[in-house]
Amino acid sequence: MFRVTLSHLILIYMAVLLGILCFAWLVGEVIRFRQDNRKRRSMVVCDICGHSFEDPSERELLTCPSCGRLNERGKVREI
């Protein structure tokens, strides 16, 4: 048998707990990153009026609900 002191048990417990928390945080960040990318792909900004709207379809030409102009799907820039 291995002899383990109380301080070593506490250290092992804290290391395992910290590892689990880091793993859960990392998984949450990956999920959030994927959701943000999915949202960013569906956002469209009108070139004329600047109205931003969401369209989850895969069409390349979209009509702006504000001014009615046809817009090409493009990359939305972060401000």
PDB file of N, CA and C in Angstrom:
ATOM      1  N   MET A   1       0.833  -1.181   0.000  1.00  0.00           N
ATOM      2  CA  MET A   1       0.000   0.000   0.000  1.00  0.00           C
ATOM      3  C   MET A   1       0.882   1.250   0.000  1.00  0.00           C
ATOM      4  N   PHE A   2       0.311   2.278  -0.582  1.00  0.00           N
ATOM      5  CA  PHE A   2       0.992   3.553  -0.598  1.00  0.00           C
ATOM      6  C   PHE A   2       0.590   4.342   0.639  1.00  0.00           C
ATOM      7  N   ARG A   3       1.535   5.010   1.197  1.00  0.00           N
ATOM      8  CA  ARG A   3       1.224   5.876   2.329  1.00  0.00           C
ATOM      9  C   ARG A   3       1.005   7.281   1.792  1.00  0.00           C
ATOM     10  N   VAL A   4      -0.172   7.800   2.049  1.00  0.00           N
ATOM     11  CA  VAL A   4      -0.530   9.123   1.568  1.00  0.00           C
ATOM     12  C   VAL A   4      -0.967   9.955   2.766  1.00  0.00           C
ATOM     13  N   THR A   5      -0.372  11.117   2.836  1.00  0.00           N
ATOM     14  CA  THR A   5      -0.736  12.005   3.940  1.00  0.00           C
ATOM     15  C   THR A   5      -1.973  12.815   3.567  1.00  0.00           C
ATOM     16  N   LEU A   6      -2.547  13.439   4.558  1.00  0.00           N
ATOM     17  CA  LEU A   6      -3.734  14.259   4.336  1.00  0.00           C
ATOM     18  C   LEU A   6      -3.439  15.422   3.398  1.00  0.00           C
ATOM     19  N   SER A   7      -2.282  16.019   3.529  1.00  0.00           N
ATOM     20  CA  SER A   7      -1.938  17.153   2.657  1.00  0.00           C
ATOM     21  C   SER A   7      -1.810  16.705   1.200  1.00  0.00           C
ATOM     22  N   HIS A   8      -1.282  15.493   0.970  1.00  0.00           N
ATOM     23  CA  HIS A   8      -1.202  14.978  -0.395  1.00  0.00           C
ATOM     24  C   HIS A   8      -2.602  14.675  -0.960  1.00  0.00           C
ATOM     25  N   LEU A   9      -3.490  14.164  -0.139  1.00  0.00           N
ATOM     26  CA  LEU A   9      -4.861  13.905  -0.589  1.00  0.00           C
ATOM     27  C   LEU A   9      -5.573  15.202  -0.965  1.00  0.00           C
ATOM     28  N   ILE A  10      -5.387  16.232  -0.168  1.00  0.00           N
ATOM     29  CA  ILE A  10      -5.997  17.520  -0.469  1.00  0.00           C
ATOM     30  C   ILE A  10      -5.424  18.091  -1.756  1.00  0.00           C
ATOM     31  N   LEU A  11      -4.118  17.961  -1.940  1.00  0.00           N
ATOM     32  CA  LEU A  11      -3.468  18.448  -3.158  1.00  0.00           C
ATOM     33  C   LEU A  11      -3.983  17.702  -4.389  1.00  0.00           C
ATOM     34  N   ILE A  12      -4.132  16.390  -4.306  1.00  0.00           N
ATOM     35  CA  ILE A  12      -4.659  15.594  -5.419  1.00  0.00           C
ATOM     36  C   ILE A  12      -6.106  15.998  -5.711  1.00  0.00           C
ATOM     37  N   TYR A  13      -6.902  16.149  -4.679  1.00  0.00           N
ATOM     38  CA  TYR A  13      -8.300  16.550  -4.842  1.00  0.00           C
ATOM     39  C   TYR A  13      -8.393  17.904  -5.534  1.00  0.00           C
ATOM     40  N   MET A  14      -7.593  18.867  -5.105  1.00  0.00           N
ATOM     41  CA  MET A  14      -7.623  20.206  -5.702  1.00  0.00           C
ATOM     42  C   MET A  14      -7.146  20.172  -7.161  1.00  0.00           C
ATOM     43  N   ALA A  15      -6.140  19.363  -7.461  1.00  0.00           N
ATOM     44  CA  ALA A  15      -5.645  19.270  -8.834  1.00  0.00           C
ATOM     45  C   ALA A  15      -6.697  18.652  -9.750  1.00  0.00           C
ATOM     46  N   VAL A  16      -7.378  17.620  -9.291  1.00  0.00           N
ATOM     47  CA  VAL A  16      -8.428  16.991 -10.093  1.00  0.00           C
ATOM     48  C   VAL A  16      -9.585  17.969 -10.289  1.00  0.00           C
ATOM     49  N   LEU A  17      -9.989  18.656  -9.248  1.00  0.00           N
ATOM     50  CA  LEU A  17     -11.068  19.626  -9.342  1.00  0.00           C
ATOM     51  C   LEU A  17     -10.709  20.755 -10.306  1.00  0.00           C
ATOM     52  N   LEU A  18      -9.494  21.250 -10.237  1.00  0.00           N
ATOM     53  CA  LEU A  18      -9.042  22.300 -11.139  1.00  0.00           C
ATOM     54  C   LEU A  18      -9.023  21.802 -12.580  1.00  0.00           C
ATOM     55  N   GLY A  19      -8.600  20.574 -12.800  1.00  0.00           N
ATOM     56  CA  GLY A  19      -8.605  19.997 -14.147  1.00  0.00           C
ATOM     57  C   GLY A  19     -10.007  19.880 -14.708  1.00  0.00           C
ATOM     58  N   ILE A  20     -10.959  19.459 -13.891  1.00  0.00           N
ATOM     59  CA  ILE A  20     -12.356  19.341 -14.337  1.00  0.00           C
ATOM     60  C   ILE A  20     -12.924  20.711 -14.673  1.00  0.00           C
ATOM     61  N   LEU A  21     -12.649  21.708 -13.836  1.00  0.00           N
ATOM     62  CA  LEU A  21     -13.137  23.063 -14.094  1.00  0.00           C
ATOM     63  C   LEU A  21     -12.534  23.647 -15.372  1.00  0.00           C
ATOM     64  N   CYS A  22     -11.256  23.427 -15.600  1.00  0.00           N
ATOM     65  CA  CYS A  22     -10.617  23.919 -16.822  1.00  0.00           C
ATOM     66  C   CYS A  22     -11.206  23.239 -18.057  1.00  0.00           C
ATOM     67  N   PHE A  23     -11.458  21.948 -17.972  1.00  0.00           N
ATOM     68  CA  PHE A  23     -12.049  21.218 -19.090  1.00  0.00           C
ATOM     69  C   PHE A  23     -13.462  21.730 -19.379  1.00  0.00           C
ATOM     70  N   ALA A  24     -14.267  21.950 -18.350  1.00  0.00           N
ATOM     71  CA  ALA A  24     -15.627  22.455 -18.536  1.00  0.00           C
ATOM     72  C   ALA A  24     -15.601  23.858 -19.137  1.00  0.00           C
ATOM     73  N   TRP A  25     -14.690  24.702 -18.694  1.00  0.00           N
ATOM     74  CA  TRP A  25     -14.559  26.043 -19.246  1.00  0.00           C
ATOM     75  C   TRP A  25     -14.173  25.982 -20.721  1.00  0.00           C
ATOM     76  N   LEU A  26     -13.229  25.116 -21.065  1.00  0.00           N
ATOM     77  CA  LEU A  26     -12.771  24.979 -22.445  1.00  0.00           C
ATOM     78  C   LEU A  26     -13.906  24.498 -23.348  1.00  0.00           C
ATOM     79  N   VAL A  27     -14.680  23.531 -22.906  1.00  0.00           N
ATOM     80  CA  VAL A  27     -15.821  23.038 -23.687  1.00  0.00           C
ATOM     81  C   VAL A  27     -16.844  24.156 -23.874  1.00  0.00           C
ATOM     82  N   GLY A  28     -17.120  24.927 -22.844  1.00  0.00           N
ATOM     83  CA  GLY A  28     -18.048  26.046 -22.944  1.00  0.00           C
ATOM     84  C   GLY A  28     -17.581  27.097 -23.939  1.00  0.00           C
ATOM     85  N   GLU A  29     -16.293  27.395 -23.954  1.00  0.00           N
ATOM     86  CA  GLU A  29     -15.746  28.369 -24.889  1.00  0.00           C
ATOM     87  C   GLU A  29     -15.847  27.878 -26.329  1.00  0.00           C
ATOM     88  N   VAL A  30     -15.598  26.603 -26.559  1.00  0.00           N
ATOM     89  CA  VAL A  30     -15.708  26.045 -27.908  1.00  0.00           C
ATOM     90  C   VAL A  30     -17.158  26.125 -28.386  1.00  0.00           C
ATOM     91  N   ILE A  31     -18.099  25.791 -27.522  1.00  0.00           N
ATOM     92  CA  ILE A  31     -19.517  25.859 -27.887  1.00  0.00           C
ATOM     93  C   ILE A  31     -19.923  27.298 -28.184  1.00  0.00           C
ATOM     94  N   ARG A  32     -19.494  28.240 -27.361  1.00  0.00           N
ATOM     95  CA  ARG A  32     -19.815  29.650 -27.578  1.00  0.00           C
ATOM     96  C   ARG A  32     -19.211  30.165 -28.876  1.00  0.00           C
ATOM     97  N   PHE A  33     -17.980  29.767 -29.180  1.00  0.00           N
ATOM     98  CA  PHE A  33     -17.302  30.182 -30.409  1.00  0.00           C
ATOM     99  C   PHE A  33     -18.054  29.681 -31.636  1.00  0.00           C
ATOM    100  N   ARG A  34     -18.512  28.433 -31.597  1.00  0.00           N
ATOM    101  CA  ARG A  34     -19.271  27.879 -32.728  1.00  0.00           C
ATOM    102  C   ARG A  34     -20.605  28.594 -32.899  1.00  0.00           C
ATOM    103  N   GLN A  35     -21.281  28.901 -31.801  1.00  0.00           N
ATOM    104  CA  GLN A  35     -22.554  29.620 -31.894  1.00  0.00           C
ATOM    105  C   GLN A  35     -22.355  31.023 -32.458  1.00  0.00           C
ATOM    106  N   ASP A  36     -21.303  31.709 -32.042  1.00  0.00           N
ATOM    107  CA  ASP A  36     -21.016  33.046 -32.560  1.00  0.00           C
ATOM    108  C   ASP A  36     -20.721  32.999 -34.053  1.00  0.00           C
ATOM    109  N   ASN A  37     -19.971  32.007 -34.499  1.00  0.00           N
ATOM    110  CA  ASN A  37     -19.684  31.877 -35.926  1.00  0.00           C
ATOM    111  C   ASN A  37     -20.948  31.610 -36.715  1.00  0.00           C
ATOM    112  N   ARG A  38     -21.825  30.772 -36.192  1.00  0.00           N
ATOM    113  CA  ARG A  38     -23.082  30.463 -36.870  1.00  0.00           C
ATOM    114  C   ARG A  38     -23.943  31.726 -36.981  1.00  0.00           C
ATOM    115  N   LYS A  39     -23.989  32.525 -35.907  1.00  0.00           N
ATOM    116  CA  LYS A  39     -24.754  33.778 -35.932  1.00  0.00           C
ATOM    117  C   LYS A  39     -24.144  34.771 -36.908  1.00  0.00           C
ATOM    118  N   ARG A  40     -22.839  34.876 -36.923  1.00  0.00           N
ATOM    119  CA  ARG A  40     -22.150  35.827 -37.788  1.00  0.00           C
ATOM    120  C   ARG A  40     -22.366  35.487 -39.256  1.00  0.00           C
ATOM    121  N   ARG A  41     -22.453  34.198 -39.591  1.00  0.00           N
ATOM    122  CA  ARG A  41     -22.690  33.803 -40.975  1.00  0.00           C
ATOM    123  C   ARG A  41     -24.088  34.187 -41.439  1.00  0.00           C
ATOM    124  N   SER A  42     -25.054  34.249 -40.515  1.00  0.00           N
ATOM    125  CA  SER A  42     -26.426  34.549 -40.909  1.00  0.00           C
ATOM    126  C   SER A  42     -26.750  36.039 -40.840  1.00  0.00           C
ATOM    127  N   MET A  43     -25.862  36.875 -40.345  1.00  0.00           N
ATOM    128  CA  MET A  43     -26.101  38.315 -40.264  1.00  0.00           C
ATOM    129  C   MET A  43     -25.757  38.985 -41.597  1.00  0.00           C
ATOM    130  N   VAL A  44     -26.603  39.937 -41.997  1.00  0.00           N
ATOM    131  CA  VAL A  44     -26.409  40.695 -43.230  1.00  0.00           C
ATOM    132  C   VAL A  44     -26.593  42.164 -42.886  1.00  0.00           C
ATOM    133  N   VAL A  45     -25.751  43.024 -43.460  1.00  0.00           N
ATOM    134  CA  VAL A  45     -25.859  44.468 -43.267  1.00  0.00           C
ATOM    135  C   VAL A  45     -26.121  45.096 -44.626  1.00  0.00           C
ATOM    136  N   CYS A  46     -27.185  45.896 -44.692  1.00  0.00           N
ATOM    137  CA  CYS A  46     -27.553  46.572 -45.941  1.00  0.00           C
ATOM    138  C   CYS A  46     -26.496  47.627 -46.280  1.00  0.00           C
ATOM    139  N   ASP A  47     -26.113  47.679 -47.570  1.00  0.00           N
ATOM    140  CA  ASP A  47     -25.099  48.642 -48.008  1.00  0.00           C
ATOM    141  C   ASP A  47     -25.632  50.074 -48.052  1.00  0.00           C
ATOM    142  N   ILE A  48     -26.923  50.233 -48.260  1.00  0.00           N
ATOM    143  CA  ILE A  48     -27.501  51.568 -48.413  1.00  0.00           C
ATOM    144  C   ILE A  48     -27.907  52.169 -47.065  1.00  0.00           C
ATOM    145  N   CYS A  49     -28.790  51.471 -46.346  1.00  0.00           N
ATOM    146  CA  CYS A  49     -29.333  52.060 -45.109  1.00  0.00           C
ATOM    147  C   CYS A  49     -28.583  51.628 -43.850  1.00  0.00           C
ATOM    148  N   GLY A  50     -27.740  50.600 -43.941  1.00  0.00           N
ATOM    149  CA  GLY A  50     -26.971  50.156 -42.787  1.00  0.00           C
ATOM    150  C   GLY A  50     -27.748  49.292 -41.818  1.00  0.00           C
ATOM    151  N   HIS A  51     -28.966  48.908 -42.195  1.00  0.00           N
ATOM    152  CA  HIS A  51     -29.802  48.054 -41.335  1.00  0.00           C
ATOM    153  C   HIS A  51     -29.207  46.653 -41.299  1.00  0.00           C
ATOM    154  N   SER A  52     -29.038  46.114 -40.114  1.00  0.00           N
ATOM    155  CA  SER A  52     -28.533  44.742 -40.003  1.00  0.00           C
ATOM    156  C   SER A  52     -29.700  43.816 -39.670  1.00  0.00           C
ATOM    157  N   PHE A  53     -29.723  42.685 -40.346  1.00  0.00           N
ATOM    158  CA  PHE A  53     -30.787  41.707 -40.138  1.00  0.00           C
ATOM    159  C   PHE A  53     -30.218  40.309 -40.250  1.00  0.00           C
ATOM    160  N   GLU A  54     -30.961  39.369 -39.723  1.00  0.00           N
ATOM    161  CA  GLU A  54     -30.507  37.982 -39.695  1.00  0.00           C
ATOM    162  C   GLU A  54     -31.329  37.178 -40.688  1.00  0.00           C
ATOM    163  N   ASP A  55     -30.636  36.390 -41.505  1.00  0.00           N
ATOM    164  CA  ASP A  55     -31.302  35.520 -42.469  1.00  0.00           C
ATOM    165  C   ASP A  55     -30.566  34.187 -42.487  1.00  0.00           C
ATOM    166  N   PRO A  56     -31.162  33.149 -41.904  1.00  0.00           N
ATOM    167  CA  PRO A  56     -30.478  31.858 -41.811  1.00  0.00           C
ATOM    168  C   PRO A  56     -30.458  31.062 -43.120  1.00  0.00           C
ATOM    169  N   SER A  57     -31.122  31.549 -44.181  1.00  0.00           N
ATOM    170  CA  SER A  57     -31.132  30.811 -45.441  1.00  0.00           C
ATOM    171  C   SER A  57     -29.739  30.882 -46.086  1.00  0.00           C
ATOM    172  N   GLU A  58     -29.545  30.102 -47.118  1.00  0.00           N
ATOM    173  CA  GLU A  58     -28.246  30.049 -47.794  1.00  0.00           C
ATOM    174  C   GLU A  58     -28.222  30.876 -49.081  1.00  0.00           C
ATOM    175  N   ARG A  59     -29.268  31.688 -49.316  1.00  0.00           N
ATOM    176  CA  ARG A  59     -29.322  32.484 -50.546  1.00  0.00           C
ATOM    177  C   ARG A  59     -28.227  33.542 -50.550  1.00  0.00           C
ATOM    178  N   GLU A  60     -27.729  33.852 -51.753  1.00  0.00           N
ATOM    179  CA  GLU A  60     -26.674  34.856 -51.883  1.00  0.00           C
ATOM    180  C   GLU A  60     -27.244  36.273 -51.973  1.00  0.00           C
ATOM    181  N   LEU A  61     -28.407  36.448 -52.605  1.00  0.00           N
ATOM    182  CA  LEU A  61     -29.035  37.761 -52.719  1.00  0.00           C
ATOM    183  C   LEU A  61     -30.207  37.842 -51.751  1.00  0.00           C
ATOM    184  N   LEU A  62     -30.163  38.843 -50.900  1.00  0.00           N
ATOM    185  CA  LEU A  62     -31.190  39.006 -49.869  1.00  0.00           C
ATOM    186  C   LEU A  62     -31.787  40.409 -49.965  1.00  0.00           C
ATOM    187  N   THR A  63     -33.063  40.505 -49.695  1.00  0.00           N
ATOM    188  CA  THR A  63     -33.751  41.796 -49.723  1.00  0.00           C
ATOM    189  C   THR A  63     -33.763  42.393 -48.318  1.00  0.00           C
ATOM    190  N   CYS A  64     -33.358  43.651 -48.233  1.00  0.00           N
ATOM    191  CA  CYS A  64     -33.347  44.358 -46.949  1.00  0.00           C
ATOM    192  C   CYS A  64     -34.784  44.618 -46.523  1.00  0.00           C
ATOM    193  N   PRO A  65     -35.157  44.278 -45.292  1.00  0.00           N
ATOM    194  CA  PRO A  65     -36.527  44.538 -44.842  1.00  0.00           C
ATOM    195  C   PRO A  65     -36.809  46.021 -44.606  1.00  0.00           C
ATOM    196  N   SER A  66     -35.776  46.825 -44.494  1.00  0.00           N
ATOM    197  CA  SER A  66     -35.969  48.246 -44.225  1.00  0.00           C
ATOM    198  C   SER A  66     -36.161  49.053 -45.504  1.00  0.00           C
ATOM    199  N   CYS A  67     -35.250  48.906 -46.477  1.00  0.00           N
ATOM    200  CA  CYS A  67     -35.314  49.733 -47.685  1.00  0.00           C
ATOM    201  C   CYS A  67     -35.664  48.946 -48.945  1.00  0.00           C
ATOM    202  N   GLY A  68     -35.628  47.616 -48.899  1.00  0.00           N
ATOM    203  CA  GLY A  68     -36.004  46.797 -50.044  1.00  0.00           C
ATOM    204  C   GLY A  68     -34.897  46.554 -51.050  1.00  0.00           C
ATOM    205  N   ARG A  69     -33.696  47.008 -50.800  1.00  0.00           N
ATOM    206  CA  ARG A  69     -32.587  46.814 -51.721  1.00  0.00           C
ATOM    207  C   ARG A  69     -32.065  45.389 -51.643  1.00  0.00           C
ATOM    208  N   LEU A  70     -31.603  44.840 -52.782  1.00  0.00           N
ATOM    209  CA  LEU A  70     -30.982  43.524 -52.797  1.00  0.00           C
ATOM    210  C   LEU A  70     -29.539  43.661 -52.304  1.00  0.00           C
ATOM    211  N   ASN A  71     -29.144  42.779 -51.417  1.00  0.00           N
ATOM    212  CA  ASN A  71     -27.797  42.784 -50.854  1.00  0.00           C
ATOM    213  C   ASN A  71     -27.164  41.424 -51.054  1.00  0.00           C
ATOM    214  N   GLU A  72     -25.860  41.444 -51.285  1.00  0.00           N
ATOM    215  CA  GLU A  72     -25.117  40.197 -51.340  1.00  0.00           C
ATOM    216  C   GLU A  72     -24.697  39.834 -49.927  1.00  0.00           C
ATOM    217  N   ARG A  73     -24.714  38.534 -49.661  1.00  0.00           N
ATOM    218  CA  ARG A  73     -24.258  38.070 -48.351  1.00  0.00           C
ATOM    219  C   ARG A  73     -22.748  38.267 -48.295  1.00  0.00           C
ATOM    220  N   GLY A  74     -22.295  38.940 -47.280  1.00  0.00           N
ATOM    221  CA  GLY A  74     -20.871  39.194 -47.114  1.00  0.00           C
ATOM    222  C   GLY A  74     -20.467  38.972 -45.688  1.00  0.00           C
ATOM    223  N   LYS A  75     -19.204  39.180 -45.433  1.00  0.00           N
ATOM    224  CA  LYS A  75     -18.695  38.997 -44.092  1.00  0.00           C
ATOM    225  C   LYS A  75     -19.014  40.229 -43.254  1.00  0.00           C
ATOM    226  N   VAL A  76     -19.623  40.018 -42.086  1.00  0.00           N
ATOM    227  CA  VAL A  76     -19.951  41.121 -41.183  1.00  0.00           C
ATOM    228  C   VAL A  76     -18.726  41.433 -40.350  1.00  0.00           C
ATOM    229  N   ARG A  77     -18.315  42.695 -40.346  1.00  0.00           N
ATOM    230  CA  ARG A  77     -17.137  43.094 -39.584  1.00  0.00           C
ATOM    231  C   ARG A  77     -17.516  43.398 -38.144  1.00  0.00           C
ATOM    232  N   GLU A  78     -16.615  43.057 -37.235  1.00  0.00           N
ATOM    233  CA  GLU A  78     -16.805  43.379 -35.826  1.00  0.00           C
ATOM    234  C   GLU A  78     -16.412  44.820 -35.589  1.00  0.00           C
ATOM    235  N   ILE A  79     -17.110  45.499 -34.713  1.00  0.00           N
ATOM    236  CA  ILE A  79     -16.762  46.878 -34.375  1.00  0.00           C
ATOM    237  C   ILE A  79     -16.010  46.878 -33.071  1.00  0.00           C
TER     238      ILE A  79
END
